[in-house]
Amino acid sequence: RDPPAGVEPRRLRELQAGGAGAYGSLSAEERVALLEWLCEEAVCAAAVHDHLDQALEETKELNKEIREEDMRIRELKKCRPVAQTSRKTAASMEPDPEPADP
């Protein structure tokens, strides 16, 4: 691919040569251009692309599981007040305990 636009070829040669402080000598604009180019290169790499696809599929599956769990919790919450009311009603219908003989 073409080298990053916005970074002078001379500066790229310095980076490739690994000169001490070569990256630090780049201007902010050159660093941003270099970072943009590196990101584009990474996204185009098959391994990175495959990893992103796999992560997307895993995210979709986890979101599906979360939705299912949320629905289950909502259903349990709907049933819970009825169960508590039934227990209270049943308890109020029980006869009072008889006093113990002294």
N, C-alpha and C. Protein backbone atom coordinates (compact mmCIF):
# COMPACT_ATOMS: atom_id res chain seq x y z
N ARG A 1 0.83 -1.19 0.00
CA ARG A 1 0.00 0.00 0.00
C ARG A 1 0.87 1.24 0.00
N ASP A 2 0.20 2.33 -0.30
CA ASP A 2 0.90 3.60 -0.31
C ASP A 2 1.25 4.03 1.11
N PRO A 3 2.34 4.75 1.25
CA PRO A 3 2.69 5.26 2.58
C PRO A 3 1.66 6.29 3.02
N PRO A 4 1.62 6.58 4.31
CA PRO A 4 0.61 7.50 4.82
C PRO A 4 0.77 8.91 4.24
N ALA A 5 -0.35 9.47 3.82
CA ALA A 5 -0.34 10.86 3.37
C ALA A 5 -0.17 11.74 4.59
N GLY A 6 0.49 12.81 4.44
CA GLY A 6 0.67 13.72 5.57
C GLY A 6 1.96 13.49 6.33
N VAL A 7 2.71 12.46 5.93
CA VAL A 7 4.02 12.22 6.56
C VAL A 7 5.05 12.26 5.44
N GLU A 8 6.00 13.14 5.58
CA GLU A 8 7.02 13.30 4.55
C GLU A 8 7.81 12.00 4.37
N PRO A 9 8.15 11.66 3.13
CA PRO A 9 8.94 10.44 2.89
C PRO A 9 10.24 10.40 3.68
N ARG A 10 10.88 11.57 3.82
CA ARG A 10 12.12 11.62 4.60
C ARG A 10 11.87 11.17 6.03
N ARG A 11 10.73 11.61 6.60
CA ARG A 11 10.39 11.25 7.98
C ARG A 11 10.11 9.75 8.08
N LEU A 12 9.47 9.20 7.07
CA LEU A 12 9.21 7.75 7.08
C LEU A 12 10.52 6.97 7.04
N ARG A 13 11.47 7.43 6.24
CA ARG A 13 12.77 6.74 6.19
C ARG A 13 13.45 6.78 7.55
N GLU A 14 13.32 7.90 8.27
CA GLU A 14 13.88 8.01 9.61
C GLU A 14 13.22 6.99 10.55
N LEU A 15 11.91 6.86 10.44
CA LEU A 15 11.20 5.90 11.29
C LEU A 15 11.63 4.47 10.96
N GLN A 16 11.73 4.18 9.66
CA GLN A 16 12.13 2.84 9.25
C GLN A 16 13.55 2.53 9.69
N ALA A 17 14.41 3.52 9.69
CA ALA A 17 15.79 3.32 10.10
C ALA A 17 15.89 3.14 11.60
N GLY A 18 14.83 3.51 12.31
CA GLY A 18 14.83 3.30 13.75
C GLY A 18 15.70 4.27 14.50
N GLY A 19 15.91 5.40 13.93
CA GLY A 19 16.72 6.42 14.60
C GLY A 19 16.14 6.77 15.95
N ALA A 20 17.02 7.02 16.91
CA ALA A 20 16.59 7.35 18.26
C ALA A 20 15.72 8.60 18.22
N GLY A 21 14.56 8.50 18.80
CA GLY A 21 13.66 9.64 18.86
C GLY A 21 12.96 9.97 17.57
N ALA A 22 13.02 9.08 16.60
CA ALA A 22 12.41 9.37 15.30
C ALA A 22 10.91 9.63 15.45
N TYR A 23 10.22 8.79 16.20
CA TYR A 23 8.78 8.98 16.38
C TYR A 23 8.51 10.27 17.16
N GLY A 24 9.31 10.51 18.16
CA GLY A 24 9.15 11.71 18.97
C GLY A 24 9.40 12.99 18.19
N SER A 25 10.12 12.87 17.09
CA SER A 25 10.40 14.06 16.29
C SER A 25 9.26 14.40 15.33
N LEU A 26 8.30 13.50 15.21
CA LEU A 26 7.16 13.77 14.33
C LEU A 26 6.25 14.82 14.95
N SER A 27 5.65 15.62 14.09
CA SER A 27 4.68 16.60 14.58
C SER A 27 3.38 15.87 14.94
N ALA A 28 2.50 16.56 15.62
CA ALA A 28 1.21 15.96 16.00
C ALA A 28 0.44 15.54 14.75
N GLU A 29 0.45 16.37 13.72
CA GLU A 29 -0.26 16.04 12.48
C GLU A 29 0.33 14.79 11.83
N GLU A 30 1.65 14.68 11.84
CA GLU A 30 2.31 13.50 11.26
C GLU A 30 1.98 12.25 12.07
N ARG A 31 1.95 12.37 13.38
CA ARG A 31 1.60 11.22 14.23
C ARG A 31 0.17 10.76 13.96
N VAL A 32 -0.74 11.71 13.83
CA VAL A 32 -2.14 11.36 13.55
C VAL A 32 -2.23 10.68 12.18
N ALA A 33 -1.56 11.21 11.19
CA ALA A 33 -1.58 10.61 9.85
C ALA A 33 -1.01 9.20 9.89
N LEU A 34 0.07 9.03 10.62
CA LEU A 34 0.69 7.70 10.74
C LEU A 34 -0.24 6.73 11.46
N LEU A 35 -0.87 7.18 12.52
CA LEU A 35 -1.80 6.33 13.26
C LEU A 35 -2.99 5.94 12.40
N GLU A 36 -3.51 6.90 11.64
CA GLU A 36 -4.63 6.61 10.73
C GLU A 36 -4.23 5.55 9.72
N TRP A 37 -3.05 5.70 9.15
CA TRP A 37 -2.58 4.74 8.16
C TRP A 37 -2.38 3.35 8.78
N LEU A 38 -1.80 3.31 9.98
CA LEU A 38 -1.59 2.03 10.65
C LEU A 38 -2.93 1.34 10.96
N CYS A 39 -3.92 2.11 11.38
CA CYS A 39 -5.25 1.55 11.66
C CYS A 39 -5.87 0.98 10.39
N GLU A 40 -5.77 1.72 9.29
CA GLU A 40 -6.30 1.22 8.02
C GLU A 40 -5.60 -0.07 7.60
N GLU A 41 -4.29 -0.11 7.79
CA GLU A 41 -3.53 -1.32 7.46
C GLU A 41 -3.99 -2.50 8.33
N ALA A 42 -4.21 -2.24 9.61
CA ALA A 42 -4.63 -3.31 10.52
C ALA A 42 -6.01 -3.82 10.17
N VAL A 43 -6.93 -2.92 9.84
CA VAL A 43 -8.29 -3.33 9.51
C VAL A 43 -8.30 -4.18 8.24
N CYS A 44 -7.38 -3.89 7.35
CA CYS A 44 -7.32 -4.65 6.09
C CYS A 44 -6.65 -6.02 6.27
N ALA A 45 -5.96 -6.22 7.37
CA ALA A 45 -5.28 -7.50 7.60
C ALA A 45 -6.31 -8.58 7.87
N ALA A 46 -6.16 -9.74 7.27
CA ALA A 46 -7.12 -10.83 7.39
C ALA A 46 -7.30 -11.28 8.84
N ALA A 47 -6.21 -11.40 9.59
CA ALA A 47 -6.31 -11.87 10.97
C ALA A 47 -7.13 -10.91 11.82
N VAL A 48 -6.93 -9.62 11.64
CA VAL A 48 -7.68 -8.63 12.40
C VAL A 48 -9.14 -8.65 11.97
N HIS A 49 -9.36 -8.76 10.67
CA HIS A 49 -10.73 -8.81 10.14
C HIS A 49 -11.47 -10.03 10.70
N ASP A 50 -10.81 -11.17 10.72
CA ASP A 50 -11.41 -12.39 11.28
C ASP A 50 -11.72 -12.22 12.76
N HIS A 51 -10.81 -11.63 13.50
CA HIS A 51 -11.02 -11.41 14.93
C HIS A 51 -12.22 -10.50 15.17
N LEU A 52 -12.31 -9.42 14.40
CA LEU A 52 -13.45 -8.51 14.53
C LEU A 52 -14.77 -9.21 14.22
N ASP A 53 -14.77 -10.05 13.18
CA ASP A 53 -15.99 -10.81 12.85
C ASP A 53 -16.38 -11.74 13.99
N GLN A 54 -15.40 -12.43 14.56
CA GLN A 54 -15.67 -13.35 15.66
C GLN A 54 -16.18 -12.59 16.88
N ALA A 55 -15.58 -11.46 17.19
CA ALA A 55 -16.02 -10.67 18.33
C ALA A 55 -17.45 -10.16 18.12
N LEU A 56 -17.79 -9.80 16.90
CA LEU A 56 -19.15 -9.34 16.60
C LEU A 56 -20.15 -10.47 16.82
N GLU A 57 -19.83 -11.67 16.36
CA GLU A 57 -20.73 -12.81 16.56
C GLU A 57 -20.90 -13.13 18.05
N GLU A 58 -19.81 -13.09 18.80
CA GLU A 58 -19.89 -13.35 20.24
C GLU A 58 -20.74 -12.29 20.93
N THR A 59 -20.60 -11.05 20.51
CA THR A 59 -21.39 -9.96 21.09
C THR A 59 -22.86 -10.16 20.80
N LYS A 60 -23.18 -10.55 19.58
CA LYS A 60 -24.58 -10.80 19.23
C LYS A 60 -25.16 -11.91 20.10
N GLU A 61 -24.40 -12.97 20.29
CA GLU A 61 -24.86 -14.11 21.10
C GLU A 61 -25.06 -13.69 22.56
N LEU A 62 -24.13 -12.93 23.10
CA LEU A 62 -24.25 -12.47 24.49
C LEU A 62 -25.44 -11.53 24.65
N ASN A 63 -25.67 -10.66 23.69
CA ASN A 63 -26.83 -9.77 23.76
C ASN A 63 -28.13 -10.57 23.72
N LYS A 64 -28.16 -11.62 22.92
CA LYS A 64 -29.35 -12.48 22.85
C LYS A 64 -29.59 -13.15 24.22
N GLU A 65 -28.52 -13.65 24.84
CA GLU A 65 -28.65 -14.28 26.15
C GLU A 65 -29.12 -13.27 27.20
N ILE A 66 -28.62 -12.05 27.12
CA ILE A 66 -29.04 -11.01 28.07
C ILE A 66 -30.52 -10.71 27.90
N ARG A 67 -30.98 -10.57 26.66
CA ARG A 67 -32.41 -10.32 26.42
C ARG A 67 -33.27 -11.45 26.96
N GLU A 68 -32.84 -12.69 26.73
CA GLU A 68 -33.60 -13.84 27.23
C GLU A 68 -33.65 -13.85 28.76
N GLU A 69 -32.53 -13.53 29.40
CA GLU A 69 -32.48 -13.49 30.86
C GLU A 69 -33.35 -12.37 31.40
N ASP A 70 -33.34 -11.22 30.74
CA ASP A 70 -34.20 -10.11 31.14
C ASP A 70 -35.67 -10.50 31.06
N MET A 71 -36.04 -11.19 30.00
CA MET A 71 -37.43 -11.63 29.85
C MET A 71 -37.80 -12.61 30.96
N ARG A 72 -36.89 -13.52 31.29
CA ARG A 72 -37.14 -14.49 32.35
C ARG A 72 -37.33 -13.78 33.69
N ILE A 73 -36.50 -12.79 33.96
CA ILE A 73 -36.60 -12.04 35.21
C ILE A 73 -37.92 -11.29 35.28
N ARG A 74 -38.33 -10.68 34.16
CA ARG A 74 -39.61 -9.96 34.14
C ARG A 74 -40.77 -10.91 34.43
N GLU A 75 -40.71 -12.09 33.85
CA GLU A 75 -41.77 -13.08 34.09
C GLU A 75 -41.79 -13.50 35.56
N LEU A 76 -40.61 -13.67 36.15
CA LEU A 76 -40.55 -14.03 37.57
C LEU A 76 -41.11 -12.91 38.44
N LYS A 77 -40.83 -11.67 38.08
CA LYS A 77 -41.34 -10.54 38.84
C LYS A 77 -42.86 -10.45 38.73
N LYS A 78 -43.40 -10.81 37.58
CA LYS A 78 -44.86 -10.80 37.41
C LYS A 78 -45.51 -11.83 38.33
N CYS A 79 -44.89 -12.98 38.46
CA CYS A 79 -45.44 -14.07 39.26
C CYS A 79 -45.21 -13.85 40.75
N ARG A 80 -44.19 -13.15 41.11
CA ARG A 80 -43.81 -13.00 42.52
C ARG A 80 -44.89 -12.32 43.37
N PRO A 81 -45.45 -11.19 42.99
CA PRO A 81 -46.48 -10.57 43.83
C PRO A 81 -47.68 -11.49 44.04
N VAL A 82 -48.05 -12.27 43.04
CA VAL A 82 -49.16 -13.20 43.18
C VAL A 82 -48.82 -14.26 44.21
N ALA A 83 -47.62 -14.77 44.17
CA ALA A 83 -47.21 -15.80 45.12
C ALA A 83 -47.18 -15.24 46.54
N GLN A 84 -46.69 -14.01 46.71
CA GLN A 84 -46.64 -13.42 48.05
C GLN A 84 -48.05 -13.15 48.56
N THR A 85 -48.94 -12.67 47.71
CA THR A 85 -50.33 -12.41 48.11
C THR A 85 -51.01 -13.71 48.50
N SER A 86 -50.76 -14.76 47.75
CA SER A 86 -51.37 -16.05 48.05
C SER A 86 -50.93 -16.55 49.41
N ARG A 87 -49.66 -16.37 49.75
CA ARG A 87 -49.17 -16.81 51.05
C ARG A 87 -49.82 -16.01 52.17
N LYS A 88 -49.95 -14.70 51.98
CA LYS A 88 -50.57 -13.86 53.00
C LYS A 88 -52.03 -14.26 53.19
N THR A 89 -52.71 -14.50 52.09
CA THR A 89 -54.11 -14.89 52.16
C THR A 89 -54.24 -16.23 52.86
N ALA A 90 -53.38 -17.15 52.52
CA ALA A 90 -53.42 -18.47 53.14
C ALA A 90 -53.12 -18.37 54.64
N ALA A 91 -52.18 -17.52 55.02
CA ALA A 91 -51.84 -17.37 56.43
C ALA A 91 -52.99 -16.74 57.21
N SER A 92 -53.71 -15.81 56.59
CA SER A 92 -54.82 -15.17 57.31
C SER A 92 -56.01 -16.11 57.45
N MET A 93 -56.06 -17.15 56.66
CA MET A 93 -57.17 -18.09 56.72
C MET A 93 -56.93 -19.18 57.76
N GLU A 94 -55.70 -19.30 58.23
CA GLU A 94 -55.40 -20.33 59.23
C GLU A 94 -56.04 -19.95 60.55
N PRO A 95 -56.51 -20.91 61.28
CA PRO A 95 -57.10 -20.59 62.57
C PRO A 95 -56.03 -20.12 63.55
N ASP A 96 -56.45 -19.29 64.49
CA ASP A 96 -55.52 -18.84 65.52
C ASP A 96 -55.08 -20.02 66.34
N PRO A 97 -53.85 -20.04 66.74
CA PRO A 97 -53.38 -21.17 67.55
C PRO A 97 -54.11 -21.14 68.90
N GLU A 98 -54.41 -22.33 69.35
CA GLU A 98 -55.11 -22.42 70.66
C GLU A 98 -54.13 -22.17 71.78
N PRO A 99 -54.57 -21.47 72.81
CA PRO A 99 -53.66 -21.22 73.92
C PRO A 99 -53.23 -22.51 74.58
N ALA A 100 -52.00 -22.54 75.01
CA ALA A 100 -51.47 -23.72 75.65
C ALA A 100 -52.04 -23.80 77.08
N ASP A 101 -52.28 -25.01 77.54
CA ASP A 101 -52.77 -25.20 78.90
C ASP A 101 -51.64 -24.89 79.87
N PRO A 102 -52.01 -24.11 80.97
CA PRO A 102 -50.95 -23.80 81.94
C PRO A 102 -50.66 -24.93 82.88
